Structure formats: C-alpha cells, structure tokens
PDB file of N, CA and C in Angstrom:
ATOM      1  N   MET A   1       0.857  -1.178   0.000  1.00  0.00           N
ATOM      2  CA  MET A   1       0.000   0.000   0.000  1.00  0.00           C
ATOM      3  C   MET A   1       0.901   1.240   0.000  1.00  0.00           C
ATOM      4  N   SER A   2       0.556   2.199  -0.841  1.00  0.00           N
ATOM      5  CA  SER A   2       1.386   3.393  -0.911  1.00  0.00           C
ATOM      6  C   SER A   2       1.246   4.214   0.367  1.00  0.00           C
ATOM      7  N   SER A   3       2.263   5.007   0.633  1.00  0.00           N
ATOM      8  CA  SER A   3       2.236   5.821   1.847  1.00  0.00           C
ATOM      9  C   SER A   3       1.138   6.880   1.772  1.00  0.00           C
ATOM     10  N   ARG A   4       0.815   7.351   0.572  1.00  0.00           N
ATOM     11  CA  ARG A   4      -0.269   8.337   0.427  1.00  0.00           C
ATOM     12  C   ARG A   4      -1.618   7.713   0.794  1.00  0.00           C
ATOM     13  N   ILE A   5      -1.841   6.507   0.316  1.00  0.00           N
ATOM     14  CA  ILE A   5      -3.094   5.817   0.635  1.00  0.00           C
ATOM     15  C   ILE A   5      -3.178   5.559   2.136  1.00  0.00           C
ATOM     16  N   GLU A   6      -2.098   5.099   2.704  1.00  0.00           N
ATOM     17  CA  GLU A   6      -2.070   4.828   4.140  1.00  0.00           C
ATOM     18  C   GLU A   6      -2.332   6.106   4.940  1.00  0.00           C
ATOM     19  N   ALA A   7      -1.708   7.210   4.548  1.00  0.00           N
ATOM     20  CA  ALA A   7      -1.899   8.483   5.247  1.00  0.00           C
ATOM     21  C   ALA A   7      -3.343   8.969   5.135  1.00  0.00           C
ATOM     22  N   LEU A   8      -3.935   8.831   3.960  1.00  0.00           N
ATOM     23  CA  LEU A   8      -5.324   9.263   3.771  1.00  0.00           C
ATOM     24  C   LEU A   8      -6.287   8.385   4.576  1.00  0.00           C
ATOM     25  N   LYS A   9      -6.033   7.089   4.605  1.00  0.00           N
ATOM     26  CA  LYS A   9      -6.892   6.203   5.404  1.00  0.00           C
ATOM     27  C   LYS A   9      -6.781   6.548   6.886  1.00  0.00           C
ATOM     28  N   ASN A  10      -5.578   6.853   7.350  1.00  0.00           N
ATOM     29  CA  ASN A  10      -5.399   7.242   8.742  1.00  0.00           C
ATOM     30  C   ASN A  10      -6.118   8.550   9.043  1.00  0.00           C
ATOM     31  N   ALA A  11      -6.048   9.497   8.125  1.00  0.00           N
ATOM     32  CA  ALA A  11      -6.734  10.777   8.314  1.00  0.00           C
ATOM     33  C   ALA A  11      -8.244  10.574   8.376  1.00  0.00           C
ATOM     34  N   LEU A  12      -8.753   9.661   7.567  1.00  0.00           N
ATOM     35  CA  LEU A  12     -10.194   9.395   7.551  1.00  0.00           C
ATOM     36  C   LEU A  12     -10.668   8.698   8.825  1.00  0.00           C
ATOM     37  N   LYS A  13      -9.767   8.033   9.528  1.00  0.00           N
ATOM     38  CA  LYS A  13     -10.142   7.436  10.813  1.00  0.00           C
ATOM     39  C   LYS A  13     -10.514   8.535  11.810  1.00  0.00           C
ATOM     40  N   LYS A  14      -9.833   9.686  11.704  1.00  0.00           N
ATOM     41  CA  LYS A  14     -10.098  10.809  12.602  1.00  0.00           C
ATOM     42  C   LYS A  14     -11.304  11.618  12.154  1.00  0.00           C
ATOM     43  N   ASP A  15     -11.490  11.714  10.844  1.00  0.00           N
ATOM     44  CA  ASP A  15     -12.588  12.517  10.282  1.00  0.00           C
ATOM     45  C   ASP A  15     -13.159  11.763   9.076  1.00  0.00           C
ATOM     46  N   PRO A  16     -14.039  10.774   9.322  1.00  0.00           N
ATOM     47  CA  PRO A  16     -14.507   9.867   8.264  1.00  0.00           C
ATOM     48  C   PRO A  16     -15.258  10.525   7.103  1.00  0.00           C
ATOM     49  N   ASP A  17     -15.785  11.724   7.309  1.00  0.00           N
ATOM     50  CA  ASP A  17     -16.549  12.390   6.255  1.00  0.00           C
ATOM     51  C   ASP A  17     -15.773  13.519   5.580  1.00  0.00           C
ATOM     52  N   ASN A  18     -14.494  13.615   5.850  1.00  0.00           N
ATOM     53  CA  ASN A  18     -13.691  14.692   5.275  1.00  0.00           C
ATOM     54  C   ASN A  18     -13.693  14.601   3.755  1.00  0.00           C
ATOM     55  N   PRO A  19     -14.195  15.633   3.073  1.00  0.00           N
ATOM     56  CA  PRO A  19     -14.321  15.543   1.617  1.00  0.00           C
ATOM     57  C   PRO A  19     -12.989  15.399   0.893  1.00  0.00           C
ATOM     58  N   LEU A  20     -11.982  16.134   1.336  1.00  0.00           N
ATOM     59  CA  LEU A  20     -10.678  16.019   0.668  1.00  0.00           C
ATOM     60  C   LEU A  20     -10.062  14.652   0.901  1.00  0.00           C
ATOM     61  N   GLY A  21     -10.270  14.107   2.084  1.00  0.00           N
ATOM     62  CA  GLY A  21      -9.748  12.776   2.375  1.00  0.00           C
ATOM     63  C   GLY A  21     -10.418  11.706   1.542  1.00  0.00           C
ATOM     64  N   LEU A  22     -11.745  11.752   1.464  1.00  0.00           N
ATOM     65  CA  LEU A  22     -12.486  10.748   0.693  1.00  0.00           C
ATOM     66  C   LEU A  22     -12.150  10.829  -0.794  1.00  0.00           C
ATOM     67  N   TYR A  23     -12.187  12.035  -1.339  1.00  0.00           N
ATOM     68  CA  TYR A  23     -11.911  12.196  -2.772  1.00  0.00           C
ATOM     69  C   TYR A  23     -10.448  11.891  -3.072  1.00  0.00           C
ATOM     70  N   GLY A  24      -9.563  12.398  -2.230  1.00  0.00           N
ATOM     71  CA  GLY A  24      -8.134  12.157  -2.446  1.00  0.00           C
ATOM     72  C   GLY A  24      -7.782  10.676  -2.398  1.00  0.00           C
ATOM     73  N   LEU A  25      -8.385   9.967  -1.466  1.00  0.00           N
ATOM     74  CA  LEU A  25      -8.139   8.527  -1.374  1.00  0.00           C
ATOM     75  C   LEU A  25      -8.661   7.812  -2.620  1.00  0.00           C
ATOM     76  N   ALA A  26      -9.833   8.207  -3.083  1.00  0.00           N
ATOM     77  CA  ALA A  26     -10.382   7.602  -4.298  1.00  0.00           C
ATOM     78  C   ALA A  26      -9.445   7.823  -5.481  1.00  0.00           C
ATOM     79  N   VAL A  27      -8.902   9.021  -5.598  1.00  0.00           N
ATOM     80  CA  VAL A  27      -7.972   9.323  -6.696  1.00  0.00           C
ATOM     81  C   VAL A  27      -6.736   8.432  -6.607  1.00  0.00           C
ATOM     82  N   GLU A  28      -6.171   8.328  -5.419  1.00  0.00           N
ATOM     83  CA  GLU A  28      -4.965   7.509  -5.245  1.00  0.00           C
ATOM     84  C   GLU A  28      -5.241   6.027  -5.538  1.00  0.00           C
ATOM     85  N   LEU A  29      -6.380   5.530  -5.095  1.00  0.00           N
ATOM     86  CA  LEU A  29      -6.742   4.141  -5.371  1.00  0.00           C
ATOM     87  C   LEU A  29      -6.933   3.921  -6.866  1.00  0.00           C
ATOM     88  N   PHE A  30      -7.557   4.884  -7.545  1.00  0.00           N
ATOM     89  CA  PHE A  30      -7.752   4.791  -8.994  1.00  0.00           C
ATOM     90  C   PHE A  30      -6.399   4.723  -9.702  1.00  0.00           C
ATOM     91  N   LYS A  31      -5.469   5.555  -9.278  1.00  0.00           N
ATOM     92  CA  LYS A  31      -4.126   5.565  -9.892  1.00  0.00           C
ATOM     93  C   LYS A  31      -3.453   4.197  -9.776  1.00  0.00           C
ATOM     94  N   GLU A  32      -3.749   3.489  -8.689  1.00  0.00           N
ATOM     95  CA  GLU A  32      -3.160   2.163  -8.469  1.00  0.00           C
ATOM     96  C   GLU A  32      -4.017   1.044  -9.062  1.00  0.00           C
ATOM     97  N   LYS A  33      -5.020   1.439  -9.856  1.00  0.00           N
ATOM     98  CA  LYS A  33      -5.914   0.488 -10.529  1.00  0.00           C
ATOM     99  C   LYS A  33      -6.735  -0.341  -9.536  1.00  0.00           C
ATOM    100  N   ARG A  34      -6.992   0.222  -8.392  1.00  0.00           N
ATOM    101  CA  ARG A  34      -7.831  -0.428  -7.371  1.00  0.00           C
ATOM    102  C   ARG A  34      -9.234   0.186  -7.512  1.00  0.00           C
ATOM    103  N   TYR A  35      -9.854  -0.149  -8.642  1.00  0.00           N
ATOM    104  CA  TYR A  35     -11.068   0.539  -9.068  1.00  0.00           C
ATOM    105  C   TYR A  35     -12.261   0.317  -8.146  1.00  0.00           C
ATOM    106  N   GLN A  36     -12.445  -0.896  -7.656  1.00  0.00           N
ATOM    107  CA  GLN A  36     -13.591  -1.150  -6.791  1.00  0.00           C
ATOM    108  C   GLN A  36     -13.485  -0.347  -5.498  1.00  0.00           C
ATOM    109  N   GLU A  37     -12.301  -0.287  -4.940  1.00  0.00           N
ATOM    110  CA  GLU A  37     -12.107   0.515  -3.726  1.00  0.00           C
ATOM    111  C   GLU A  37     -12.324   2.001  -4.024  1.00  0.00           C
ATOM    112  N   ALA A  38     -11.847   2.447  -5.180  1.00  0.00           N
ATOM    113  CA  ALA A  38     -12.054   3.846  -5.570  1.00  0.00           C
ATOM    114  C   ALA A  38     -13.546   4.155  -5.647  1.00  0.00           C
ATOM    115  N   VAL A  39     -14.322   3.242  -6.236  1.00  0.00           N
ATOM    116  CA  VAL A  39     -15.771   3.421  -6.324  1.00  0.00           C
ATOM    117  C   VAL A  39     -16.371   3.574  -4.933  1.00  0.00           C
ATOM    118  N   GLU A  40     -15.954   2.727  -4.013  1.00  0.00           N
ATOM    119  CA  GLU A  40     -16.506   2.765  -2.660  1.00  0.00           C
ATOM    120  C   GLU A  40     -16.267   4.117  -1.988  1.00  0.00           C
ATOM    121  N   TYR A  41     -15.073   4.662  -2.131  1.00  0.00           N
ATOM    122  CA  TYR A  41     -14.775   5.963  -1.514  1.00  0.00           C
ATOM    123  C   TYR A  41     -15.453   7.107  -2.259  1.00  0.00           C
ATOM    124  N   LEU A  42     -15.567   6.989  -3.564  1.00  0.00           N
ATOM    125  CA  LEU A  42     -16.288   8.022  -4.310  1.00  0.00           C
ATOM    126  C   LEU A  42     -17.764   8.058  -3.917  1.00  0.00           C
ATOM    127  N   LEU A  43     -18.362   6.888  -3.768  1.00  0.00           N
ATOM    128  CA  LEU A  43     -19.766   6.845  -3.354  1.00  0.00           C
ATOM    129  C   LEU A  43     -19.951   7.432  -1.955  1.00  0.00           C
ATOM    130  N   ARG A  44     -19.021   7.155  -1.078  1.00  0.00           N
ATOM    131  CA  ARG A  44     -19.081   7.753   0.269  1.00  0.00           C
ATOM    132  C   ARG A  44     -18.962   9.270   0.182  1.00  0.00           C
ATOM    133  N   TYR A  45     -18.041   9.733  -0.639  1.00  0.00           N
ATOM    134  CA  TYR A  45     -17.840  11.177  -0.832  1.00  0.00           C
ATOM    135  C   TYR A  45     -19.114  11.825  -1.374  1.00  0.00           C
ATOM    136  N   LEU A  46     -19.672  11.234  -2.420  1.00  0.00           N
ATOM    137  CA  LEU A  46     -20.848  11.820  -3.078  1.00  0.00           C
ATOM    138  C   LEU A  46     -22.100  11.747  -2.203  1.00  0.00           C
ATOM    139  N   GLU A  47     -22.142  10.776  -1.322  1.00  0.00           N
ATOM    140  CA  GLU A  47     -23.271  10.650  -0.403  1.00  0.00           C
ATOM    141  C   GLU A  47     -23.304  11.816   0.597  1.00  0.00           C
ATOM    142  N   LYS A  48     -22.135  12.319   0.946  1.00  0.00           N
ATOM    143  CA  LYS A  48     -22.023  13.339   1.996  1.00  0.00           C
ATOM    144  C   LYS A  48     -21.782  14.755   1.471  1.00  0.00           C
ATOM    145  N   HIS A  49     -21.272  14.875   0.244  1.00  0.00           N
ATOM    146  CA  HIS A  49     -20.817  16.180  -0.243  1.00  0.00           C
ATOM    147  C   HIS A  49     -21.299  16.429  -1.668  1.00  0.00           C
ATOM    148  N   GLU A  50     -21.641  17.675  -1.943  1.00  0.00           N
ATOM    149  CA  GLU A  50     -22.039  18.038  -3.299  1.00  0.00           C
ATOM    150  C   GLU A  50     -20.782  18.255  -4.134  1.00  0.00           C
ATOM    151  N   ASP A  51     -20.789  17.704  -5.318  1.00  0.00           N
ATOM    152  CA  ASP A  51     -19.647  17.798  -6.222  1.00  0.00           C
ATOM    153  C   ASP A  51     -20.070  18.513  -7.495  1.00  0.00           C
ATOM    154  N   GLN A  52     -19.153  19.248  -8.093  1.00  0.00           N
ATOM    155  CA  GLN A  52     -19.469  20.004  -9.305  1.00  0.00           C
ATOM    156  C   GLN A  52     -19.376  19.163 -10.573  1.00  0.00           C
ATOM    157  N   GLY A  53     -18.850  17.966 -10.474  1.00  0.00           N
ATOM    158  CA  GLY A  53     -18.814  17.081 -11.630  1.00  0.00           C
ATOM    159  C   GLY A  53     -17.600  16.169 -11.702  1.00  0.00           C
ATOM    160  N   ALA A  54     -16.464  16.617 -11.209  1.00  0.00           N
ATOM    161  CA  ALA A  54     -15.220  15.854 -11.370  1.00  0.00           C
ATOM    162  C   ALA A  54     -15.277  14.472 -10.707  1.00  0.00           C
ATOM    163  N   ALA A  55     -15.913  14.378  -9.554  1.00  0.00           N
ATOM    164  CA  ALA A  55     -16.000  13.073  -8.877  1.00  0.00           C
ATOM    165  C   ALA A  55     -16.840  12.097  -9.694  1.00  0.00           C
ATOM    166  N   TYR A  56     -17.829  12.626 -10.395  1.00  0.00           N
ATOM    167  CA  TYR A  56     -18.648  11.755 -11.244  1.00  0.00           C
ATOM    168  C   TYR A  56     -17.846  11.254 -12.433  1.00  0.00           C
ATOM    169  N   ARG A  57     -16.932  12.073 -12.942  1.00  0.00           N
ATOM    170  CA  ARG A  57     -16.043  11.626 -14.023  1.00  0.00           C
ATOM    171  C   ARG A  57     -15.210  10.448 -13.541  1.00  0.00           C
ATOM    172  N   LEU A  58     -14.585  10.617 -12.376  1.00  0.00           N
ATOM    173  CA  LEU A  58     -13.729   9.558 -11.850  1.00  0.00           C
ATOM    174  C   LEU A  58     -14.537   8.301 -11.543  1.00  0.00           C
ATOM    175  N   LEU A  59     -15.736   8.484 -11.010  1.00  0.00           N
ATOM    176  CA  LEU A  59     -16.611   7.345 -10.734  1.00  0.00           C
ATOM    177  C   LEU A  59     -16.952   6.614 -12.025  1.00  0.00           C
ATOM    178  N   ALA A  60     -17.313   7.353 -13.053  1.00  0.00           N
ATOM    179  CA  ALA A  60     -17.638   6.735 -14.347  1.00  0.00           C
ATOM    180  C   ALA A  60     -16.431   6.010 -14.929  1.00  0.00           C
ATOM    181  N   GLN A  61     -15.260   6.598 -14.810  1.00  0.00           N
ATOM    182  CA  GLN A  61     -14.051   5.957 -15.325  1.00  0.00           C
ATOM    183  C   GLN A  61     -13.750   4.665 -14.568  1.00  0.00           C
ATOM    184  N   ALA A  62     -13.954   4.691 -13.259  1.00  0.00           N
ATOM    185  CA  ALA A  62     -13.721   3.472 -12.467  1.00  0.00           C
ATOM    186  C   ALA A  62     -14.717   2.386 -12.852  1.00  0.00           C
ATOM    187  N   TYR A  63     -15.983   2.767 -12.995  1.00  0.00           N
ATOM    188  CA  TYR A  63     -16.989   1.790 -13.427  1.00  0.00           C
ATOM    189  C   TYR A  63     -16.631   1.229 -14.807  1.00  0.00           C
ATOM    190  N   THR A  64     -16.166   2.077 -15.699  1.00  0.00           N
ATOM    191  CA  THR A  64     -15.778   1.615 -17.033  1.00  0.00           C
ATOM    192  C   THR A  64     -14.657   0.585 -16.937  1.00  0.00           C
ATOM    193  N   GLU A  65     -13.668   0.864 -16.109  1.00  0.00           N
ATOM    194  CA  GLU A  65     -12.552  -0.070 -15.924  1.00  0.00           C
ATOM    195  C   GLU A  65     -13.024  -1.397 -15.343  1.00  0.00           C
ATOM    196  N   LEU A  66     -14.097  -1.354 -14.554  1.00  0.00           N
ATOM    197  CA  LEU A  66     -14.655  -2.576 -13.967  1.00  0.00           C
ATOM    198  C   LEU A  66     -15.626  -3.282 -14.913  1.00  0.00           C
ATOM    199  N   GLY A  67     -15.842  -2.690 -16.099  1.00  0.00           N
ATOM    200  CA  GLY A  67     -16.758  -3.283 -17.069  1.00  0.00           C
ATOM    201  C   GLY A  67     -18.221  -3.018 -16.751  1.00  0.00           C
ATOM    202  N   LYS A  68     -18.493  -2.077 -15.881  1.00  0.00           N
ATOM    203  CA  LYS A  68     -19.866  -1.739 -15.478  1.00  0.00           C
ATOM    204  C   LYS A  68     -20.323  -0.506 -16.267  1.00  0.00           C
ATOM    205  N   ILE A  69     -20.645  -0.752 -17.529  1.00  0.00           N
ATOM    206  CA  ILE A  69     -20.929   0.345 -18.450  1.00  0.00           C
ATOM    207  C   ILE A  69     -22.219   1.076 -18.079  1.00  0.00           C
ATOM    208  N   ASP A  70     -23.252   0.353 -17.697  1.00  0.00           N
ATOM    209  CA  ASP A  70     -24.507   1.018 -17.304  1.00  0.00           C
ATOM    210  C   ASP A  70     -24.285   1.971 -16.133  1.00  0.00           C
ATOM    211  N   GLU A  71     -23.523   1.529 -15.152  1.00  0.00           N
ATOM    212  CA  GLU A  71     -23.238   2.370 -13.995  1.00  0.00           C
ATOM    213  C   GLU A  71     -22.399   3.578 -14.404  1.00  0.00           C
ATOM    214  N   ALA A  72     -21.480   3.367 -15.341  1.00  0.00           N
ATOM    215  CA  ALA A  72     -20.652   4.474 -15.829  1.00  0.00           C
ATOM    216  C   ALA A  72     -21.523   5.539 -16.501  1.00  0.00           C
ATOM    217  N   VAL A  73     -22.461   5.094 -17.326  1.00  0.00           N
ATOM    218  CA  VAL A  73     -23.376   6.029 -17.993  1.00  0.00           C
ATOM    219  C   VAL A  73     -24.176   6.804 -16.943  1.00  0.00           C
ATOM    220  N   GLN A  74     -24.678   6.112 -15.940  1.00  0.00           N
ATOM    221  CA  GLN A  74     -25.452   6.777 -14.879  1.00  0.00           C
ATOM    222  C   GLN A  74     -24.602   7.812 -14.138  1.00  0.00           C
ATOM    223  N   ALA A  75     -23.342   7.487 -13.892  1.00  0.00           N
ATOM    224  CA  ALA A  75     -22.451   8.432 -13.210  1.00  0.00           C
ATOM    225  C   ALA A  75     -22.236   9.677 -14.068  1.00  0.00           C
ATOM    226  N   TYR A  76     -22.010   9.470 -15.364  1.00  0.00           N
ATOM    227  CA  TYR A  76     -21.853  10.627 -16.256  1.00  0.00           C
ATOM    228  C   TYR A  76     -23.134  11.453 -16.311  1.00  0.00           C
ATOM    229  N   GLU A  77     -24.288  10.794 -16.323  1.00  0.00           N
ATOM    230  CA  GLU A  77     -25.559  11.531 -16.366  1.00  0.00           C
ATOM    231  C   GLU A  77     -25.729  12.395 -15.119  1.00  0.00           C
ATOM    232  N   LYS A  78     -25.392  11.848 -13.963  1.00  0.00           N
ATOM    233  CA  LYS A  78     -25.457  12.640 -12.730  1.00  0.00           C
ATOM    234  C   LYS A  78     -24.419  13.758 -12.776  1.00  0.00           C
ATOM    235  N   GLY A  79     -23.273  13.468 -13.338  1.00  0.00           N
ATOM    236  CA  GLY A  79     -22.236  14.485 -13.495  1.00  0.00           C
ATOM    237  C   GLY A  79     -22.695  15.637 -14.378  1.00  0.00           C
ATOM    238  N   ILE A  80     -23.464  15.319 -15.420  1.00  0.00           N
ATOM    239  CA  ILE A  80     -24.011  16.361 -16.286  1.00  0.00           C
ATOM    240  C   ILE A  80     -24.956  17.257 -15.491  1.00  0.00           C
ATOM    241  N   GLU A  81     -25.806  16.654 -14.681  1.00  0.00           N
ATOM    242  CA  GLU A  81     -26.721  17.447 -13.841  1.00  0.00           C
ATOM    243  C   GLU A  81     -25.942  18.426 -12.970  1.00  0.00           C
ATOM    244  N   GLN A  82     -24.899  17.919 -12.333  1.00  0.00           N
ATOM    245  CA  GLN A  82     -24.108  18.776 -11.451  1.00  0.00           C
ATOM    246  C   GLN A  82     -23.337  19.831 -12.244  1.00  0.00           C
ATOM    247  N   ALA A  83     -22.764  19.437 -13.363  1.00  0.00           N
ATOM    248  CA  ALA A  83     -22.009  20.387 -14.184  1.00  0.00           C
ATOM    249  C   ALA A  83     -22.921  21.507 -14.685  1.00  0.00           C
ATOM    250  N   GLU A  84     -24.140  21.153 -15.065  1.00  0.00           N
ATOM    251  CA  GLU A  84     -25.085  22.182 -15.496  1.00  0.00           C
ATOM    252  C   GLU A  84     -25.429  23.116 -14.348  1.00  0.00           C
ATOM    253  N   LYS A  85     -25.627  22.550 -13.188  1.00  0.00           N
ATOM    254  CA  LYS A  85     -25.956  23.339 -11.992  1.00  0.00           C
ATOM    255  C   LYS A  85     -24.869  24.372 -11.703  1.00  0.00           C
ATOM    256  N   PHE A  86     -23.610  23.988 -11.913  1.00  0.00           N
ATOM    257  CA  PHE A  86     -22.485  24.872 -11.631  1.00  0.00           C
ATOM    258  C   PHE A  86     -21.944  25.560 -12.890  1.00  0.00           C
ATOM    259  N   LYS A  87     -22.705  25.443 -13.978  1.00  0.00           N
ATOM    260  CA  LYS A  87     -22.402  26.133 -15.235  1.00  0.00           C
ATOM    261  C   LYS A  87     -21.028  25.765 -15.827  1.00  0.00           C
ATOM    262  N   HIS A  88     -20.732  24.476 -15.805  1.00  0.00           N
ATOM    263  CA  HIS A  88     -19.498  23.962 -16.415  1.00  0.00           C
ATOM    264  C   HIS A  88     -19.844  23.361 -17.779  1.00  0.00           C
ATOM    265  N   SER A  89     -20.027  24.218 -18.753  1.00  0.00           N
ATOM    266  CA  SER A  89     -20.502  23.759 -20.065  1.00  0.00           C
ATOM    267  C   SER A  89     -19.526  22.808 -20.755  1.00  0.00           C
ATOM    268  N   SER A  90     -18.233  23.006 -20.586  1.00  0.00           N
ATOM    269  CA  SER A  90     -17.279  22.103 -21.234  1.00  0.00           C
ATOM    270  C   SER A  90     -17.349  20.705 -20.623  1.00  0.00           C
ATOM    271  N   MET A  91     -17.627  20.635 -19.325  1.00  0.00           N
ATOM    272  CA  MET A  91     -17.771  19.339 -18.666  1.00  0.00           C
ATOM    273  C   MET A  91     -19.034  18.631 -19.162  1.00  0.00           C
ATOM    274  N   VAL A  92     -20.103  19.397 -19.371  1.00  0.00           N
ATOM    275  CA  VAL A  92     -21.345  18.817 -19.899  1.00  0.00           C
ATOM    276  C   VAL A  92     -21.072  18.193 -21.266  1.00  0.00           C
ATOM    277  N   LYS A  93     -20.356  18.912 -22.125  1.00  0.00           N
ATOM    278  CA  LYS A  93     -20.020  18.383 -23.461  1.00  0.00           C
ATOM    279  C   LYS A  93     -19.165  17.122 -23.345  1.00  0.00           C
ATOM    280  N   GLU A  94     -18.149  17.189 -22.508  1.00  0.00           N
ATOM    281  CA  GLU A  94     -17.250  16.045 -22.323  1.00  0.00           C
ATOM    282  C   GLU A  94     -18.023  14.811 -21.870  1.00  0.00           C
ATOM    283  N   PHE A  95     -18.867  14.969 -20.862  1.00  0.00           N
ATOM    284  CA  PHE A  95     -19.618  13.840 -20.331  1.00  0.00           C
ATOM    285  C   PHE A  95     -20.618  13.305 -21.355  1.00  0.00           C
ATOM    286  N   SER A  96     -21.222  14.186 -22.124  1.00  0.00           N
ATOM    287  CA  SER A  96     -22.160  13.762 -23.172  1.00  0.00           C
ATOM    288  C   SER A  96     -21.461  12.909 -24.213  1.00  0.00           C
ATOM    289  N   LEU A  97     -20.260  13.314 -24.609  1.00  0.00           N
ATOM    290  CA  LEU A  97     -19.485  12.527 -25.578  1.00  0.00           C
ATOM    291  C   LEU A  97     -19.093  11.168 -24.997  1.00  0.00           C
ATOM    292  N   GLU A  98     -18.741  11.149 -23.733  1.00  0.00           N
ATOM    293  CA  GLU A  98     -18.391   9.883 -23.081  1.00  0.00           C
ATOM    294  C   GLU A  98     -19.593   8.943 -23.044  1.00  0.00           C
ATOM    295  N   ILE A  99     -20.767   9.498 -22.751  1.00  0.00           N
ATOM    296  CA  ILE A  99     -21.987   8.672 -22.729  1.00  0.00           C
ATOM    297  C   ILE A  99     -22.246   8.072 -24.104  1.00  0.00           C
ATOM    298  N   GLU A 100     -22.113   8.877 -25.151  1.00  0.00           N
ATOM    299  CA  GLU A 100     -22.312   8.361 -26.532  1.00  0.00           C
ATOM    300  C   GLU A 100     -21.360   7.214 -26.807  1.00  0.00           C
ATOM    301  N   SER A 101     -20.115   7.399 -26.423  1.00  0.00           N
ATOM    302  CA  SER A 101     -19.096   6.380 -26.652  1.00  0.00           C
ATOM    303  C   SER A 101     -19.418   5.092 -25.891  1.00  0.00           C
ATOM    304  N   LEU A 102     -19.820   5.236 -24.641  1.00  0.00           N
ATOM    305  CA  LEU A 102     -20.153   4.049 -23.830  1.00  0.00           C
ATOM    306  C   LEU A 102     -21.387   3.332 -24.360  1.00  0.00           C
ATOM    307  N   LYS A 103     -22.375   4.089 -24.806  1.00  0.00           N
ATOM    308  CA  LYS A 103     -23.587   3.466 -25.322  1.00  0.00           C
ATOM    309  C   LYS A 103     -23.305   2.663 -26.589  1.00  0.00           C
ATOM    310  N   LYS A 104     -22.326   3.089 -27.361  1.00  0.00           N
ATOM    311  CA  LYS A 104     -21.935   2.322 -28.551  1.00  0.00           C
ATOM    312  C   LYS A 104     -21.379   0.964 -28.144  1.00  0.00           C
ATOM    313  N   GLN A 105     -20.715   0.921 -26.997  1.00  0.00           N
ATOM    314  CA  GLN A 105     -20.160  -0.341 -26.509  1.00  0.00           C
ATOM    315  C   GLN A 105     -21.254  -1.318 -26.100  1.00  0.00           C
ATOM    316  N   LEU A 106     -22.406  -0.770 -25.723  1.00  0.00           N
ATOM    317  CA  LEU A 106     -23.520  -1.613 -25.272  1.00  0.00           C
ATOM    318  C   LEU A 106     -24.286  -2.228 -26.430  1.00  0.00           C
ATOM    319  N   THR A 107     -24.170  -1.639 -27.632  1.00  0.00           N
ATOM    320  CA  THR A 107     -24.939  -2.155 -28.771  1.00  0.00           C
ATOM    321  C   THR A 107     -24.166  -3.144 -29.592  1.00  0.00           C
TER     322      THR A 107
END
C-alpha cells in the first residue's frame, strides 16, 4: 500500500466524512488500478458532499474499468446534472461525448 493511501486512510479514521480525504483517497486508489475501492470511496464522498462534476467523471471511469458500463453512464448523467448546476458547459459536453461512446459499446 502506498504511503499516500495509508496516510489518507489514517486521516479518515479521525474525520470519516472529510471531503478532501475521501476524494483524495479515491484518486490515489484509482491511480493504483484499485477501481472497486475507488468506487466505494467516491460513493461515500458523493453521499455526503455536493460535487461540481469531477468526482462523477472519476466514478464513471472506475466503473468503465470494472466493465460496469450502465453504472458508468449513470455516473456521467449525474455528473451532467451537477455540471449544469455549476455552469461547467465544457464538462457537460465532455460527459455527453463519453456517454455516446459508452452506449456504442452496449450495442
């Protein structure tokens, strides 16, 4: 286990709902290709904190790596809602293109 992951897990023991800790740990786990664990921390983060869209991107990417295309599409769709709410038009376009690409994989 990397020292960054270990440090973030230790920090979360003291403050389990810390948004930077939850998101940061998910990012580090994703980098190490520990996609299922990344999903778990992203879901915890999103359950407690409002995100502008980036966490939904990472969640969708992790689901894609796990072969869970339907879940990835749903994550991008929720990400679009949040991106629109925070007026991130480029993120809306990006997520829309990703959804099109994923849906092609389903057919």
